């Protein structure tokens, strides 16, 4: 067995960076082809989708409220890594997504603190 020179935190960081790199490289490699085949959503479908996203966000916050401090820390750390590579411009939606991640953790922490009171 070969022992790594990296700590668990460093190893987790490297794994997250690799995952984000794959997302950047593969996440939308075929977007234009796929979009041509997908029909536009109706207004009713968009409303249902919005309701589902809100429900999922609230479910996630409830689960995070029962999560460990380490899990919440990992989410905060991941949000800080959602930034453009050197030489690239920031994408407003990506930056907003990172803010939403930390907001969800903050909301979960608030729920956790009100339950323990």
PDB file of N, CA and C in Angstrom:
ATOM      1  N   UNK A   1       0.845  -1.176   0.000  1.00  0.00           N
ATOM      2  CA  UNK A   1       0.000   0.000   0.000  1.00  0.00           C
ATOM      3  C   UNK A   1       0.888   1.236   0.000  1.00  0.00           C
ATOM      4  N   UNK A   2       0.586   2.185  -0.883  1.00  0.00           N
ATOM      5  CA  UNK A   2       1.357   3.412  -0.990  1.00  0.00           C
ATOM      6  C   UNK A   2       0.647   4.495  -0.201  1.00  0.00           C
ATOM      7  N   UNK A   3       1.354   5.119   0.697  1.00  0.00           N
ATOM      8  CA  UNK A   3       0.771   6.183   1.498  1.00  0.00           C
ATOM      9  C   UNK A   3       0.912   7.505   0.747  1.00  0.00           C
ATOM     10  N   UNK A   4      -0.182   8.241   0.666  1.00  0.00           N
ATOM     11  CA  UNK A   4      -0.182   9.520  -0.031  1.00  0.00           C
ATOM     12  C   UNK A   4       0.458  10.588   0.836  1.00  0.00           C
ATOM     13  N   UNK A   5       1.117  11.539   0.181  1.00  0.00           N
ATOM     14  CA  UNK A   5       1.694  12.668   0.898  1.00  0.00           C
ATOM     15  C   UNK A   5       0.643  13.742   1.178  1.00  0.00           C
ATOM     16  N   UNK A   6      -0.544  13.591   0.597  1.00  0.00           N
ATOM     17  CA  UNK A   6      -1.590  14.585   0.769  1.00  0.00           C
ATOM     18  C   UNK A   6      -2.446  14.260   1.988  1.00  0.00           C
ATOM     19  N   UNK A   7      -2.871  15.291   2.677  1.00  0.00           N
ATOM     20  CA  UNK A   7      -3.792  15.099   3.790  1.00  0.00           C
ATOM     21  C   UNK A   7      -5.179  14.793   3.212  1.00  0.00           C
ATOM     22  N   UNK A   8      -6.097  14.372   4.063  1.00  0.00           N
ATOM     23  CA  UNK A   8      -7.460  14.098   3.615  1.00  0.00           C
ATOM     24  C   UNK A   8      -8.104  15.341   3.019  1.00  0.00           C
ATOM     25  N   UNK A   9      -7.838  16.497   3.617  1.00  0.00           N
ATOM     26  CA  UNK A   9      -8.405  17.750   3.113  1.00  0.00           C
ATOM     27  C   UNK A   9      -7.840  18.072   1.737  1.00  0.00           C
ATOM     28  N   UNK A  10      -6.540  17.892   1.579  1.00  0.00           N
ATOM     29  CA  UNK A  10      -5.914  18.163   0.278  1.00  0.00           C
ATOM     30  C   UNK A  10      -6.415  17.182  -0.779  1.00  0.00           C
ATOM     31  N   UNK A  11      -6.576  15.933  -0.398  1.00  0.00           N
ATOM     32  CA  UNK A  11      -7.085  14.932  -1.329  1.00  0.00           C
ATOM     33  C   UNK A  11      -8.504  15.278  -1.751  1.00  0.00           C
ATOM     34  N   UNK A  12      -9.336  15.676  -0.801  1.00  0.00           N
ATOM     35  CA  UNK A  12     -10.712  16.071  -1.118  1.00  0.00           C
ATOM     36  C   UNK A  12     -10.715  17.284  -2.044  1.00  0.00           C
ATOM     37  N   UNK A  13      -9.815  18.235  -1.793  1.00  0.00           N
ATOM     38  CA  UNK A  13      -9.718  19.420  -2.644  1.00  0.00           C
ATOM     39  C   UNK A  13      -9.367  19.021  -4.070  1.00  0.00           C
ATOM     40  N   UNK A  14      -8.397  18.155  -4.227  1.00  0.00           N
ATOM     41  CA  UNK A  14      -7.967  17.707  -5.554  1.00  0.00           C
ATOM     42  C   UNK A  14      -9.123  16.998  -6.257  1.00  0.00           C
ATOM     43  N   UNK A  15      -9.850  16.159  -5.532  1.00  0.00           N
ATOM     44  CA  UNK A  15     -10.984  15.455  -6.129  1.00  0.00           C
ATOM     45  C   UNK A  15     -12.071  16.426  -6.578  1.00  0.00           C
ATOM     46  N   UNK A  16     -12.345  17.449  -5.758  1.00  0.00           N
ATOM     47  CA  UNK A  16     -13.355  18.447  -6.142  1.00  0.00           C
ATOM     48  C   UNK A  16     -12.911  19.226  -7.371  1.00  0.00           C
ATOM     49  N   UNK A  17     -11.639  19.586  -7.420  1.00  0.00           N
ATOM     50  CA  UNK A  17     -11.116  20.316  -8.582  1.00  0.00           C
ATOM     51  C   UNK A  17     -11.250  19.477  -9.849  1.00  0.00           C
ATOM     52  N   UNK A  18     -10.959  18.184  -9.751  1.00  0.00           N
ATOM     53  CA  UNK A  18     -11.104  17.297 -10.901  1.00  0.00           C
ATOM     54  C   UNK A  18     -12.562  17.212 -11.339  1.00  0.00           C
ATOM     55  N   UNK A  19     -13.464  17.117 -10.362  1.00  0.00           N
ATOM     56  CA  UNK A  19     -14.892  17.043 -10.690  1.00  0.00           C
ATOM     57  C   UNK A  19     -15.354  18.319 -11.376  1.00  0.00           C
ATOM     58  N   UNK A  20     -14.942  19.465 -10.848  1.00  0.00           N
ATOM     59  CA  UNK A  20     -15.319  20.736 -11.475  1.00  0.00           C
ATOM     60  C   UNK A  20     -14.716  20.856 -12.864  1.00  0.00           C
ATOM     61  N   UNK A  21     -13.511  20.376 -13.036  1.00  0.00           N
ATOM     62  CA  UNK A  21     -12.864  20.411 -14.342  1.00  0.00           C
ATOM     63  C   UNK A  21     -13.652  19.576 -15.341  1.00  0.00           C
ATOM     64  N   UNK A  22     -14.093  18.393 -14.913  1.00  0.00           N
ATOM     65  CA  UNK A  22     -14.901  17.556 -15.806  1.00  0.00           C
ATOM     66  C   UNK A  22     -16.199  18.255 -16.144  1.00  0.00           C
ATOM     67  N   UNK A  23     -16.801  18.909 -15.170  1.00  0.00           N
ATOM     68  CA  UNK A  23     -18.055  19.635 -15.410  1.00  0.00           C
ATOM     69  C   UNK A  23     -17.830  20.693 -16.486  1.00  0.00           C
ATOM     70  N   UNK A  24     -16.763  21.467 -16.349  1.00  0.00           N
ATOM     71  CA  UNK A  24     -16.454  22.504 -17.329  1.00  0.00           C
ATOM     72  C   UNK A  24     -16.230  21.920 -18.717  1.00  0.00           C
ATOM     73  N   UNK A  25     -15.535  20.790 -18.781  1.00  0.00           N
ATOM     74  CA  UNK A  25     -15.167  20.208 -20.060  1.00  0.00           C
ATOM     75  C   UNK A  25     -16.283  19.391 -20.692  1.00  0.00           C
ATOM     76  N   UNK A  26     -17.079  18.691 -19.884  1.00  0.00           N
ATOM     77  CA  UNK A  26     -18.071  17.783 -20.418  1.00  0.00           C
ATOM     78  C   UNK A  26     -19.494  18.269 -20.238  1.00  0.00           C
ATOM     79  N   UNK A  27     -19.700  19.170 -19.308  1.00  0.00           N
ATOM     80  CA  UNK A  27     -21.050  19.573 -18.948  1.00  0.00           C
ATOM     81  C   UNK A  27     -21.882  20.082 -20.095  1.00  0.00           C
ATOM     82  N   UNK A  28     -21.268  20.723 -21.043  1.00  0.00           N
ATOM     83  CA  UNK A  28     -22.052  21.291 -22.132  1.00  0.00           C
ATOM     84  C   UNK A  28     -21.377  21.053 -23.473  1.00  0.00           C
ATOM     85  N   UNK A  29     -20.699  19.950 -23.595  1.00  0.00           N
ATOM     86  CA  UNK A  29     -19.975  19.657 -24.825  1.00  0.00           C
ATOM     87  C   UNK A  29     -20.905  19.509 -26.016  1.00  0.00           C
ATOM     88  N   UNK A  30     -22.122  19.034 -25.770  1.00  0.00           N
ATOM     89  CA  UNK A  30     -23.046  18.793 -26.865  1.00  0.00           C
ATOM     90  C   UNK A  30     -24.319  19.613 -26.711  1.00  0.00           C
ATOM     91  N   UNK A  31     -24.244  20.760 -26.039  1.00  0.00           N
ATOM     92  CA  UNK A  31     -25.437  21.554 -25.756  1.00  0.00           C
ATOM     93  C   UNK A  31     -26.179  21.979 -27.011  1.00  0.00           C
ATOM     94  N   UNK A  32     -25.484  22.482 -28.007  1.00  0.00           N
ATOM     95  CA  UNK A  32     -26.168  22.989 -29.194  1.00  0.00           C
ATOM     96  C   UNK A  32     -26.894  21.872 -29.924  1.00  0.00           C
ATOM     97  N   UNK A  33     -26.310  20.675 -29.964  1.00  0.00           N
ATOM     98  CA  UNK A  33     -26.969  19.540 -30.612  1.00  0.00           C
ATOM     99  C   UNK A  33     -28.207  19.121 -29.819  1.00  0.00           C
ATOM    100  N   UNK A  34     -28.076  19.037 -28.505  1.00  0.00           N
ATOM    101  CA  UNK A  34     -29.182  18.600 -27.666  1.00  0.00           C
ATOM    102  C   UNK A  34     -30.317  19.610 -27.670  1.00  0.00           C
ATOM    103  N   UNK A  35     -29.999  20.903 -27.669  1.00  0.00           N
ATOM    104  CA  UNK A  35     -31.032  21.931 -27.652  1.00  0.00           C
ATOM    105  C   UNK A  35     -31.858  21.913 -28.919  1.00  0.00           C
ATOM    106  N   UNK A  36     -31.269  21.541 -30.041  1.00  0.00           N
ATOM    107  CA  UNK A  36     -32.003  21.504 -31.293  1.00  0.00           C
ATOM    108  C   UNK A  36     -33.086  20.430 -31.270  1.00  0.00           C
ATOM    109  N   UNK A  37     -32.907  19.368 -30.469  1.00  0.00           N
ATOM    110  CA  UNK A  37     -33.842  18.260 -30.414  1.00  0.00           C
ATOM    111  C   UNK A  37     -34.918  18.434 -29.349  1.00  0.00           C
ATOM    112  N   UNK A  38     -34.744  19.345 -28.411  1.00  0.00           N
ATOM    113  CA  UNK A  38     -35.665  19.513 -27.290  1.00  0.00           C
ATOM    114  C   UNK A  38     -36.681  20.599 -27.612  1.00  0.00           C
ATOM    115  N   UNK A  39     -37.978  20.266 -27.551  1.00  0.00           N
ATOM    116  CA  UNK A  39     -38.988  21.297 -27.803  1.00  0.00           C
ATOM    117  C   UNK A  39     -39.035  22.304 -26.653  1.00  0.00           C
ATOM    118  N   UNK A  40     -39.472  23.495 -26.956  1.00  0.00           N
ATOM    119  CA  UNK A  40     -39.585  24.546 -25.938  1.00  0.00           C
ATOM    120  C   UNK A  40     -40.628  24.148 -24.903  1.00  0.00           C
ATOM    121  N   UNK A  41     -40.380  24.536 -23.653  1.00  0.00           N
ATOM    122  CA  UNK A  41     -41.328  24.256 -22.582  1.00  0.00           C
ATOM    123  C   UNK A  41     -42.504  25.225 -22.654  1.00  0.00           C
ATOM    124  N   UNK A  42     -43.670  24.727 -22.311  1.00  0.00           N
ATOM    125  CA  UNK A  42     -44.838  25.599 -22.237  1.00  0.00           C
ATOM    126  C   UNK A  42     -44.778  26.384 -20.933  1.00  0.00           C
ATOM    127  N   UNK A  43     -45.610  27.400 -20.801  1.00  0.00           N
ATOM    128  CA  UNK A  43     -45.644  28.184 -19.576  1.00  0.00           C
ATOM    129  C   UNK A  43     -46.026  27.302 -18.390  1.00  0.00           C
ATOM    130  N   UNK A  44     -47.005  26.413 -18.579  1.00  0.00           N
ATOM    131  CA  UNK A  44     -47.421  25.528 -17.488  1.00  0.00           C
ATOM    132  C   UNK A  44     -46.260  24.624 -17.056  1.00  0.00           C
ATOM    133  N   UNK A  45     -45.494  24.114 -18.012  1.00  0.00           N
ATOM    134  CA  UNK A  45     -44.347  23.272 -17.679  1.00  0.00           C
ATOM    135  C   UNK A  45     -43.292  24.065 -16.923  1.00  0.00           C
ATOM    136  N   UNK A  46     -43.072  25.301 -17.309  1.00  0.00           N
ATOM    137  CA  UNK A  46     -42.103  26.150 -16.607  1.00  0.00           C
ATOM    138  C   UNK A  46     -42.544  26.419 -15.176  1.00  0.00           C
ATOM    139  N   UNK A  47     -43.833  26.648 -14.980  1.00  0.00           N
ATOM    140  CA  UNK A  47     -44.356  26.874 -13.627  1.00  0.00           C
ATOM    141  C   UNK A  47     -44.155  25.623 -12.777  1.00  0.00           C
ATOM    142  N   UNK A  48     -44.486  24.454 -13.321  1.00  0.00           N
ATOM    143  CA  UNK A  48     -44.292  23.201 -12.579  1.00  0.00           C
ATOM    144  C   UNK A  48     -42.811  22.977 -12.268  1.00  0.00           C
ATOM    145  N   UNK A  49     -41.956  23.279 -13.210  1.00  0.00           N
ATOM    146  CA  UNK A  49     -40.521  23.129 -12.990  1.00  0.00           C
ATOM    147  C   UNK A  49     -40.047  24.057 -11.879  1.00  0.00           C
ATOM    148  N   UNK A  50     -40.516  25.290 -11.892  1.00  0.00           N
ATOM    149  CA  UNK A  50     -40.146  26.253 -10.853  1.00  0.00           C
ATOM    150  C   UNK A  50     -40.594  25.764  -9.472  1.00  0.00           C
ATOM    151  N   UNK A  51     -41.817  25.242  -9.382  1.00  0.00           N
ATOM    152  CA  UNK A  51     -42.332  24.734  -8.106  1.00  0.00           C
ATOM    153  C   UNK A  51     -41.468  23.571  -7.619  1.00  0.00           C
ATOM    154  N   UNK A  52     -41.094  22.683  -8.528  1.00  0.00           N
ATOM    155  CA  UNK A  52     -40.260  21.541  -8.147  1.00  0.00           C
ATOM    156  C   UNK A  52     -38.885  21.990  -7.674  1.00  0.00           C
ATOM    157  N   UNK A  53     -38.311  22.970  -8.336  1.00  0.00           N
ATOM    158  CA  UNK A  53     -36.991  23.468  -7.926  1.00  0.00           C
ATOM    159  C   UNK A  53     -37.070  24.099  -6.539  1.00  0.00           C
ATOM    160  N   UNK A  54     -38.122  24.856  -6.285  1.00  0.00           N
ATOM    161  CA  UNK A  54     -38.310  25.454  -4.957  1.00  0.00           C
ATOM    162  C   UNK A  54     -38.454  24.360  -3.900  1.00  0.00           C
ATOM    163  N   UNK A  55     -39.251  23.331  -4.207  1.00  0.00           N
ATOM    164  CA  UNK A  55     -39.432  22.225  -3.269  1.00  0.00           C
ATOM    165  C   UNK A  55     -38.105  21.511  -3.012  1.00  0.00           C
ATOM    166  N   UNK A  56     -37.332  21.250  -4.070  1.00  0.00           N
ATOM    167  CA  UNK A  56     -36.040  20.591  -3.899  1.00  0.00           C
ATOM    168  C   UNK A  56     -35.081  21.438  -3.073  1.00  0.00           C
ATOM    169  N   UNK A  57     -35.091  22.738  -3.307  1.00  0.00           N
ATOM    170  CA  UNK A  57     -34.239  23.630  -2.508  1.00  0.00           C
ATOM    171  C   UNK A  57     -34.588  23.565  -1.038  1.00  0.00           C
ATOM    172  N   UNK A  58     -35.887  23.580  -0.739  1.00  0.00           N
ATOM    173  CA  UNK A  58     -36.322  23.510   0.653  1.00  0.00           C
ATOM    174  C   UNK A  58     -36.013  22.150   1.280  1.00  0.00           C
ATOM    175  N   UNK A  59     -36.164  21.079   0.492  1.00  0.00           N
ATOM    176  CA  UNK A  59     -35.785  19.758   0.996  1.00  0.00           C
ATOM    177  C   UNK A  59     -34.292  19.698   1.300  1.00  0.00           C
ATOM    178  N   UNK A  60     -33.493  20.263   0.424  1.00  0.00           N
ATOM    179  CA  UNK A  60     -32.050  20.269   0.638  1.00  0.00           C
ATOM    180  C   UNK A  60     -31.687  21.052   1.896  1.00  0.00           C
ATOM    181  N   UNK A  61     -32.318  22.177   2.103  1.00  0.00           N
ATOM    182  CA  UNK A  61     -32.060  22.967   3.308  1.00  0.00           C
ATOM    183  C   UNK A  61     -32.416  22.167   4.558  1.00  0.00           C
ATOM    184  N   UNK A  62     -33.545  21.448   4.512  1.00  0.00           N
ATOM    185  CA  UNK A  62     -33.945  20.618   5.653  1.00  0.00           C
ATOM    186  C   UNK A  62     -32.908  19.524   5.914  1.00  0.00           C
ATOM    187  N   UNK A  63     -32.403  18.905   4.859  1.00  0.00           N
ATOM    188  CA  UNK A  63     -31.381  17.871   5.031  1.00  0.00           C
ATOM    189  C   UNK A  63     -30.074  18.464   5.553  1.00  0.00           C
ATOM    190  N   UNK A  64     -29.711  19.636   5.038  1.00  0.00           N
ATOM    191  CA  UNK A  64     -28.489  20.287   5.505  1.00  0.00           C
ATOM    192  C   UNK A  64     -28.591  20.699   6.965  1.00  0.00           C
ATOM    193  N   UNK A  65     -29.787  21.042   7.414  1.00  0.00           N
ATOM    194  CA  UNK A  65     -29.975  21.435   8.818  1.00  0.00           C
ATOM    195  C   UNK A  65     -29.603  20.297   9.753  1.00  0.00           C
ATOM    196  N   UNK A  66     -29.699  19.062   9.252  1.00  0.00           N
ATOM    197  CA  UNK A  66     -29.348  17.903  10.060  1.00  0.00           C
ATOM    198  C   UNK A  66     -27.961  17.373   9.701  1.00  0.00           C
ATOM    199  N   UNK A  67     -27.273  18.055   8.787  1.00  0.00           N
ATOM    200  CA  UNK A  67     -25.937  17.634   8.369  1.00  0.00           C
ATOM    201  C   UNK A  67     -24.878  18.011   9.385  1.00  0.00           C
ATOM    202  N   UNK A  68     -23.708  17.454   9.183  1.00  0.00           N
ATOM    203  CA  UNK A  68     -22.602  17.738  10.111  1.00  0.00           C
ATOM    204  C   UNK A  68     -21.959  19.085   9.764  1.00  0.00           C
ATOM    205  N   UNK A  69     -21.222  19.619  10.725  1.00  0.00           N
ATOM    206  CA  UNK A  69     -20.488  20.860  10.474  1.00  0.00           C
ATOM    207  C   UNK A  69     -19.490  20.665   9.334  1.00  0.00           C
ATOM    208  N   UNK A  70     -18.911  19.485   9.245  1.00  0.00           N
ATOM    209  CA  UNK A  70     -17.959  19.187   8.171  1.00  0.00           C
ATOM    210  C   UNK A  70     -18.650  19.267   6.808  1.00  0.00           C
ATOM    211  N   UNK A  71     -19.856  18.679   6.698  1.00  0.00           N
ATOM    212  CA  UNK A  71     -20.591  18.727   5.432  1.00  0.00           C
ATOM    213  C   UNK A  71     -20.915  20.167   5.035  1.00  0.00           C
ATOM    214  N   UNK A  72     -21.345  20.958   6.001  1.00  0.00           N
ATOM    215  CA  UNK A  72     -21.655  22.353   5.709  1.00  0.00           C
ATOM    216  C   UNK A  72     -20.389  23.099   5.289  1.00  0.00           C
ATOM    217  N   UNK A  73     -19.282  22.779   5.927  1.00  0.00           N
ATOM    218  CA  UNK A  73     -18.014  23.397   5.561  1.00  0.00           C
ATOM    219  C   UNK A  73     -17.580  23.029   4.153  1.00  0.00           C
ATOM    220  N   UNK A  74     -17.797  21.773   3.780  1.00  0.00           N
ATOM    221  CA  UNK A  74     -17.431  21.337   2.426  1.00  0.00           C
ATOM    222  C   UNK A  74     -18.247  22.103   1.391  1.00  0.00           C
ATOM    223  N   UNK A  75     -19.521  22.316   1.668  1.00  0.00           N
ATOM    224  CA  UNK A  75     -20.366  23.064   0.727  1.00  0.00           C
ATOM    225  C   UNK A  75     -19.880  24.497   0.609  1.00  0.00           C
ATOM    226  N   UNK A  76     -19.566  25.117   1.737  1.00  0.00           N
ATOM    227  CA  UNK A  76     -19.033  26.496   1.686  1.00  0.00           C
ATOM    228  C   UNK A  76     -17.724  26.544   0.901  1.00  0.00           C
ATOM    229  N   UNK A  77     -16.862  25.557   1.122  1.00  0.00           N
ATOM    230  CA  UNK A  77     -15.590  25.508   0.414  1.00  0.00           C
ATOM    231  C   UNK A  77     -15.819  25.333  -1.080  1.00  0.00           C
ATOM    232  N   UNK A  78     -16.729  24.437  -1.438  1.00  0.00           N
ATOM    233  CA  UNK A  78     -17.030  24.203  -2.848  1.00  0.00           C
ATOM    234  C   UNK A  78     -17.542  25.486  -3.505  1.00  0.00           C
ATOM    235  N   UNK A  79     -18.361  26.230  -2.797  1.00  0.00           N
ATOM    236  CA  UNK A  79     -18.889  27.478  -3.351  1.00  0.00           C
ATOM    237  C   UNK A  79     -17.773  28.477  -3.645  1.00  0.00           C
ATOM    238  N   UNK A  80     -16.726  28.464  -2.825  1.00  0.00           N
ATOM    239  CA  UNK A  80     -15.620  29.397  -3.064  1.00  0.00           C
ATOM    240  C   UNK A  80     -14.811  29.002  -4.296  1.00  0.00           C
ATOM    241  N   UNK A  81     -14.864  27.712  -4.673  1.00  0.00           N
ATOM    242  CA  UNK A  81     -14.120  27.257  -5.841  1.00  0.00           C
ATOM    243  C   UNK A  81     -14.884  27.456  -7.144  1.00  0.00           C
ATOM    244  N   UNK A  82     -16.125  27.872  -7.056  1.00  0.00           N
ATOM    245  CA  UNK A  82     -16.897  28.109  -8.275  1.00  0.00           C
ATOM    246  C   UNK A  82     -16.533  29.508  -8.755  1.00  0.00           C
ATOM    247  N   UNK A  83     -15.472  29.556  -9.479  1.00  0.00           N
ATOM    248  CA  UNK A  83     -14.993  30.816 -10.028  1.00  0.00           C
ATOM    249  C   UNK A  83     -14.284  30.515 -11.335  1.00  0.00           C
ATOM    250  N   UNK A  84     -14.185  31.496 -12.195  1.00  0.00           N
ATOM    251  CA  UNK A  84     -13.567  31.236 -13.500  1.00  0.00           C
ATOM    252  C   UNK A  84     -12.066  30.993 -13.381  1.00  0.00           C
ATOM    253  N   UNK A  85     -11.550  30.250 -14.324  1.00  0.00           N
ATOM    254  CA  UNK A  85     -10.111  30.037 -14.377  1.00  0.00           C
ATOM    255  C   UNK A  85      -9.436  31.345 -14.772  1.00  0.00           C
ATOM    256  N   UNK A  86      -8.157  31.422 -14.499  1.00  0.00           N
ATOM    257  CA  UNK A  86      -7.389  32.629 -14.828  1.00  0.00           C
ATOM    258  C   UNK A  86      -7.539  32.948 -16.319  1.00  0.00           C
ATOM    259  N   UNK A  87      -7.811  34.193 -16.617  1.00  0.00           N
ATOM    260  CA  UNK A  87      -7.945  34.624 -17.996  1.00  0.00           C
ATOM    261  C   UNK A  87      -9.357  34.540 -18.543  1.00  0.00           C
ATOM    262  N   UNK A  88     -10.284  33.968 -17.774  1.00  0.00           N
ATOM    263  CA  UNK A  88     -11.665  33.861 -18.217  1.00  0.00           C
ATOM    264  C   UNK A  88     -12.527  34.836 -17.428  1.00  0.00           C
ATOM    265  N   UNK A  89     -13.631  35.246 -18.004  1.00  0.00           N
ATOM    266  CA  UNK A  89     -14.528  36.176 -17.323  1.00  0.00           C
ATOM    267  C   UNK A  89     -15.511  35.395 -16.460  1.00  0.00           C
ATOM    268  N   UNK A  90     -15.981  36.053 -15.430  1.00  0.00           N
ATOM    269  CA  UNK A  90     -16.944  35.432 -14.536  1.00  0.00           C
ATOM    270  C   UNK A  90     -18.296  35.360 -15.238  1.00  0.00           C
ATOM    271  N   UNK A  91     -18.974  34.233 -15.096  1.00  0.00           N
ATOM    272  CA  UNK A  91     -20.306  34.078 -15.642  1.00  0.00           C
ATOM    273  C   UNK A  91     -21.298  34.406 -14.525  1.00  0.00           C
ATOM    274  N   UNK A  92     -22.169  35.394 -14.735  1.00  0.00           N
ATOM    275  CA  UNK A  92     -23.065  35.833 -13.656  1.00  0.00           C
ATOM    276  C   UNK A  92     -23.914  34.710 -13.058  1.00  0.00           C
ATOM    277  N   UNK A  93     -24.405  33.787 -13.878  1.00  0.00           N
ATOM    278  CA  UNK A  93     -25.238  32.713 -13.345  1.00  0.00           C
ATOM    279  C   UNK A  93     -24.435  31.773 -12.455  1.00  0.00           C
ATOM    280  N   UNK A  94     -23.195  31.511 -12.808  1.00  0.00           N
ATOM    281  CA  UNK A  94     -22.341  30.648 -12.000  1.00  0.00           C
ATOM    282  C   UNK A  94     -22.047  31.308 -10.658  1.00  0.00           C
ATOM    283  N   UNK A  95     -21.763  32.602 -10.700  1.00  0.00           N
ATOM    284  CA  UNK A  95     -21.498  33.334  -9.455  1.00  0.00           C
ATOM    285  C   UNK A  95     -22.750  33.340  -8.577  1.00  0.00           C
ATOM    286  N   UNK A  96     -23.915  33.540  -9.176  1.00  0.00           N
ATOM    287  CA  UNK A  96     -25.162  33.498  -8.407  1.00  0.00           C
ATOM    288  C   UNK A  96     -25.383  32.123  -7.803  1.00  0.00           C
ATOM    289  N   UNK A  97     -25.044  31.075  -8.545  1.00  0.00           N
ATOM    290  CA  UNK A  97     -25.203  29.713  -8.024  1.00  0.00           C
ATOM    291  C   UNK A  97     -24.352  29.520  -6.774  1.00  0.00           C
ATOM    292  N   UNK A  98     -23.128  30.025  -6.797  1.00  0.00           N
ATOM    293  CA  UNK A  98     -22.255  29.917  -5.623  1.00  0.00           C
ATOM    294  C   UNK A  98     -22.865  30.653  -4.431  1.00  0.00           C
ATOM    295  N   UNK A  99     -23.451  31.826  -4.690  1.00  0.00           N
ATOM    296  CA  UNK A  99     -24.111  32.568  -3.605  1.00  0.00           C
ATOM    297  C   UNK A  99     -25.307  31.794  -3.060  1.00  0.00           C
ATOM    298  N   UNK A 100     -26.048  31.137  -3.955  1.00  0.00           N
ATOM    299  CA  UNK A 100     -27.188  30.333  -3.511  1.00  0.00           C
ATOM    300  C   UNK A 100     -26.733  29.165  -2.640  1.00  0.00           C
ATOM    301  N   UNK A 101     -25.600  28.576  -2.966  1.00  0.00           N
ATOM    302  CA  UNK A 101     -25.083  27.474  -2.163  1.00  0.00           C
ATOM    303  C   UNK A 101     -24.817  27.940  -0.731  1.00  0.00           C
ATOM    304  N   UNK A 102     -24.122  29.054  -0.588  1.00  0.00           N
ATOM    305  CA  UNK A 102     -23.814  29.539   0.764  1.00  0.00           C
ATOM    306  C   UNK A 102     -25.083  30.010   1.464  1.00  0.00           C
ATOM    307  N   UNK A 103     -26.031  30.553   0.700  1.00  0.00           N
ATOM    308  CA  UNK A 103     -27.300  30.971   1.298  1.00  0.00           C
ATOM    309  C   UNK A 103     -28.054  29.768   1.854  1.00  0.00           C
ATOM    310  N   UNK A 104     -28.038  28.653   1.130  1.00  0.00           N
ATOM    311  CA  UNK A 104     -28.706  27.445   1.620  1.00  0.00           C
ATOM    312  C   UNK A 104     -28.061  26.940   2.909  1.00  0.00           C
ATOM    313  N   UNK A 105     -26.733  26.984   2.962  1.00  0.00           N
ATOM    314  CA  UNK A 105     -26.037  26.566   4.180  1.00  0.00           C
ATOM    315  C   UNK A 105     -26.396  27.500   5.329  1.00  0.00           C
ATOM    316  N   UNK A 106     -26.450  28.802   5.067  1.00  0.00           N
ATOM    317  CA  UNK A 106     -26.820  29.767   6.103  1.00  0.00           C
ATOM    318  C   UNK A 106     -28.244  29.518   6.605  1.00  0.00           C
ATOM    319  N   UNK A 107     -29.155  29.239   5.675  1.00  0.00           N
ATOM    320  CA  UNK A 107     -30.542  28.971   6.063  1.00  0.00           C
ATOM    321  C   UNK A 107     -30.633  27.681   6.880  1.00  0.00           C
ATOM    322  N   UNK A 108     -29.866  26.674   6.483  1.00  0.00           N
ATOM    323  CA  UNK A 108     -29.845  25.418   7.234  1.00  0.00           C
ATOM    324  C   UNK A 108     -29.298  25.645   8.642  1.00  0.00           C
ATOM    325  N   UNK A 109     -28.249  26.457   8.755  1.00  0.00           N
ATOM    326  CA  UNK A 109     -27.669  26.762  10.073  1.00  0.00           C
ATOM    327  C   UNK A 109     -28.696  27.498  10.938  1.00  0.00           C
ATOM    328  N   UNK A 110     -29.481  28.375  10.328  1.00  0.00           N
ATOM    329  CA  UNK A 110     -30.521  29.098  11.070  1.00  0.00           C
ATOM    330  C   UNK A 110     -31.568  28.117  11.582  1.00  0.00           C
ATOM    331  N   UNK A 111     -31.987  27.190  10.740  1.00  0.00           N
ATOM    332  CA  UNK A 111     -32.976  26.189  11.174  1.00  0.00           C
ATOM    333  C   UNK A 111     -32.399  25.346  12.294  1.00  0.00           C
ATOM    334  N   UNK A 112     -31.141  24.949  12.160  1.00  0.00           N
ATOM    335  CA  UNK A 112     -30.477  24.145  13.183  1.00  0.00           C
ATOM    336  C   UNK A 112     -30.459  24.897  14.514  1.00  0.00           C
ATOM    337  N   UNK A 113     -30.146  26.189  14.481  1.00  0.00           N
ATOM    338  CA  UNK A 113     -30.052  26.962  15.726  1.00  0.00           C
ATOM    339  C   UNK A 113     -31.419  27.175  16.359  1.00  0.00           C
ATOM    340  N   UNK A 114     -32.475  27.313  15.551  1.00  0.00           N
ATOM    341  CA  UNK A 114     -33.809  27.501  16.124  1.00  0.00           C
ATOM    342  C   UNK A 114     -34.351  26.203  16.706  1.00  0.00           C
ATOM    343  N   UNK A 115     -33.947  25.043  16.133  1.00  0.00           N
ATOM    344  CA  UNK A 115     -34.393  23.756  16.677  1.00  0.00           C
ATOM    345  C   UNK A 115     -33.732  23.428  18.000  1.00  0.00           C
ATOM    346  N   UNK A 116     -32.490  23.865  18.172  1.00  0.00           N
ATOM    347  CA  UNK A 116     -31.758  23.560  19.405  1.00  0.00           C
ATOM    348  C   UNK A 116     -32.129  24.499  20.552  1.00  0.00           C
ATOM    349  N   UNK A 117     -32.842  25.553  20.242  1.00  0.00           N
ATOM    350  CA  UNK A 117     -33.222  26.519  21.282  1.00  0.00           C
ATOM    351  C   UNK A 117     -34.386  26.033  22.096  1.00  0.00           C
TER     352      UNK A 117
END
